[in-house]
Amino acid sequence: QVQLVESGGGLVQPGDSLRLSCAASGRTDGIYYMAWFRVAPGKERDFVAGISVDGGMTDYVNSVKGRFTISRDNAKSPVYLQMASLKPEDTAVYYCAATGGGLKYVAKTYNYWGQGTQVTVSS
């Protein structure tokens, strides 16, 4: 069993920065790739960013390239999502997810999900 817990969400103004964290516990040896998805108001769950277990590969949706950075210190550390230049359209519930393999951009690929953390960008 794998448990994922997100933290770091909050209310910020446009242009501000925020860092989300995802801590994994349990039997995580089979996890190969971890990602952040988000659900914006009235929209479907979309891939935001992902990272391989060793941090060597990262992926981003086009709308956050250059603004968001996904990282981890090592294979046992939490996964972070550093968000900069935040925009109102970034407002969403952000979910951490983990998978042993598959199509990284597809939500159904992921076996484990956190409960989500709310990010609100508003003036």
Protein backbone atom coordinates (compact mmCIF):
# COMPACT_ATOMS: atom_id res chain seq x y z
CA GLN A 1 0.00 0.00 0.00
CA VAL A 2 1.22 3.50 -0.90
CA GLN A 3 0.00 6.67 0.73
CA LEU A 4 0.51 10.14 -0.72
CA VAL A 5 0.01 13.35 1.24
CA GLU A 6 0.09 16.79 -0.38
CA SER A 7 0.77 20.04 1.43
CA GLY A 8 1.63 23.66 0.69
CA GLY A 9 -1.51 24.97 -0.95
CA GLY A 10 -3.01 28.31 -0.08
CA LEU A 11 -4.32 31.65 -1.24
CA VAL A 12 -1.87 33.87 -3.13
CA GLN A 13 -1.97 36.88 -5.42
CA PRO A 14 -1.18 36.83 -9.15
CA GLY A 15 2.57 36.83 -9.70
CA ASP A 16 3.31 35.17 -6.36
CA SER A 17 5.11 31.89 -5.79
CA LEU A 18 4.13 28.76 -3.91
CA ARG A 19 5.73 25.38 -3.29
CA LEU A 20 3.73 22.19 -3.01
CA SER A 21 5.08 19.01 -1.44
CA CYS A 22 4.07 15.38 -1.83
CA ALA A 23 5.28 12.86 0.73
CA ALA A 24 5.02 9.15 -0.05
CA SER A 25 4.89 6.38 2.51
CA GLY A 26 4.28 2.66 2.57
CA ARG A 27 5.58 0.18 0.00
CA THR A 28 6.98 2.60 -2.55
CA ASP A 29 9.66 0.38 -4.15
CA GLY A 30 7.58 -0.21 -7.28
CA ILE A 31 6.96 3.47 -8.00
CA TYR A 32 8.76 4.66 -11.12
CA TYR A 33 7.15 8.02 -11.86
CA MET A 34 5.31 10.66 -9.87
CA ALA A 35 3.23 13.53 -11.12
CA TRP A 36 1.07 16.49 -10.24
CA PHE A 37 -2.40 16.77 -11.72
CA ARG A 38 -4.91 19.53 -11.15
CA VAL A 39 -8.64 19.99 -11.32
CA ALA A 40 -9.65 23.57 -12.09
CA PRO A 41 -13.23 24.74 -11.48
CA GLY A 42 -15.50 23.17 -14.07
CA LYS A 43 -12.67 21.35 -15.82
CA GLU A 44 -11.32 17.82 -16.14
CA ARG A 45 -8.31 16.48 -14.29
CA ASP A 46 -5.19 17.48 -16.25
CA PHE A 47 -1.52 16.58 -16.09
CA VAL A 48 0.67 19.42 -14.82
CA ALA A 49 4.17 18.03 -14.25
CA GLY A 50 5.91 14.72 -13.65
CA ILE A 51 9.25 13.35 -12.52
CA SER A 52 11.03 9.99 -12.61
CA VAL A 53 11.99 8.29 -9.37
CA ASP A 54 15.61 9.47 -9.66
CA GLY A 55 14.69 12.97 -10.77
CA GLY A 56 16.45 12.52 -14.10
CA MET A 57 13.39 13.10 -16.29
CA THR A 58 10.82 15.84 -15.93
CA ASP A 59 7.75 16.74 -17.96
CA TYR A 60 5.42 19.73 -18.02
CA VAL A 61 2.21 20.77 -19.63
CA ASN A 62 2.82 23.69 -22.01
CA SER A 63 0.86 26.19 -19.93
CA VAL A 64 3.29 25.93 -16.98
CA LYS A 65 6.62 25.59 -18.78
CA GLY A 66 9.06 28.21 -17.54
CA ARG A 67 6.94 28.92 -14.47
CA PHE A 68 6.69 25.62 -12.59
CA THR A 69 9.52 23.31 -11.55
CA ILE A 70 9.07 19.74 -10.33
CA SER A 71 11.93 18.29 -8.31
CA ARG A 72 13.04 15.94 -5.59
CA ASP A 73 16.28 15.76 -3.60
CA ASN A 74 16.58 11.97 -3.91
CA ALA A 75 14.46 8.90 -4.49
CA LYS A 76 13.24 8.90 -0.89
CA SER A 77 12.50 12.60 -0.56
CA PRO A 78 9.17 14.33 -1.10
CA VAL A 79 8.34 15.54 -4.59
CA TYR A 80 8.04 19.30 -4.88
CA LEU A 81 6.24 21.56 -7.28
CA GLN A 82 7.70 25.05 -7.19
CA MET A 83 5.19 27.40 -8.78
CA ALA A 84 6.18 30.92 -9.82
CA SER A 85 4.42 33.74 -11.65
CA LEU A 86 1.10 32.28 -10.63
CA LYS A 87 -1.96 33.22 -12.63
CA PRO A 88 -5.65 33.10 -11.75
CA GLU A 89 -6.04 30.25 -14.25
CA ASP A 90 -3.70 28.17 -12.07
CA THR A 91 -6.42 28.04 -9.44
CA ALA A 92 -7.25 24.39 -8.87
CA VAL A 93 -7.06 21.46 -6.52
CA TYR A 94 -3.62 19.94 -7.05
CA TYR A 95 -3.19 16.19 -6.65
CA CYS A 96 -0.05 14.13 -6.29
CA ALA A 97 -0.07 10.78 -8.10
CA ALA A 98 2.26 7.80 -8.49
CA THR A 99 2.60 4.94 -10.96
CA GLY A 100 4.87 2.00 -11.71
CA GLY A 101 4.71 2.77 -15.42
CA GLY A 102 2.44 3.58 -18.35
CA LEU A 103 1.24 6.64 -20.23
CA LYS A 104 2.42 9.45 -18.00
CA TYR A 105 -0.07 12.07 -19.20
CA VAL A 106 -3.11 9.87 -18.62
CA ALA A 107 -4.73 9.95 -15.20
CA LYS A 108 -5.84 6.32 -15.42
CA THR A 109 -2.18 5.31 -15.51
CA TYR A 110 -1.74 6.24 -11.86
CA ASN A 111 -2.35 3.71 -9.12
CA TYR A 112 -2.11 6.05 -6.15
CA TRP A 113 -3.47 9.50 -5.43
CA GLY A 114 -3.29 12.00 -2.61
CA GLN A 115 -6.27 13.87 -1.23
CA GLY A 116 -5.38 17.13 -2.97
CA THR A 117 -4.39 20.61 -1.86
CA GLN A 118 -6.18 23.79 -2.86
CA VAL A 119 -4.30 26.53 -4.69
CA THR A 120 -6.18 29.78 -5.18
CA VAL A 121 -4.67 32.67 -7.13
CA SER A 122 -6.69 35.84 -6.68
CA SER A 123 -6.22 39.52 -5.99
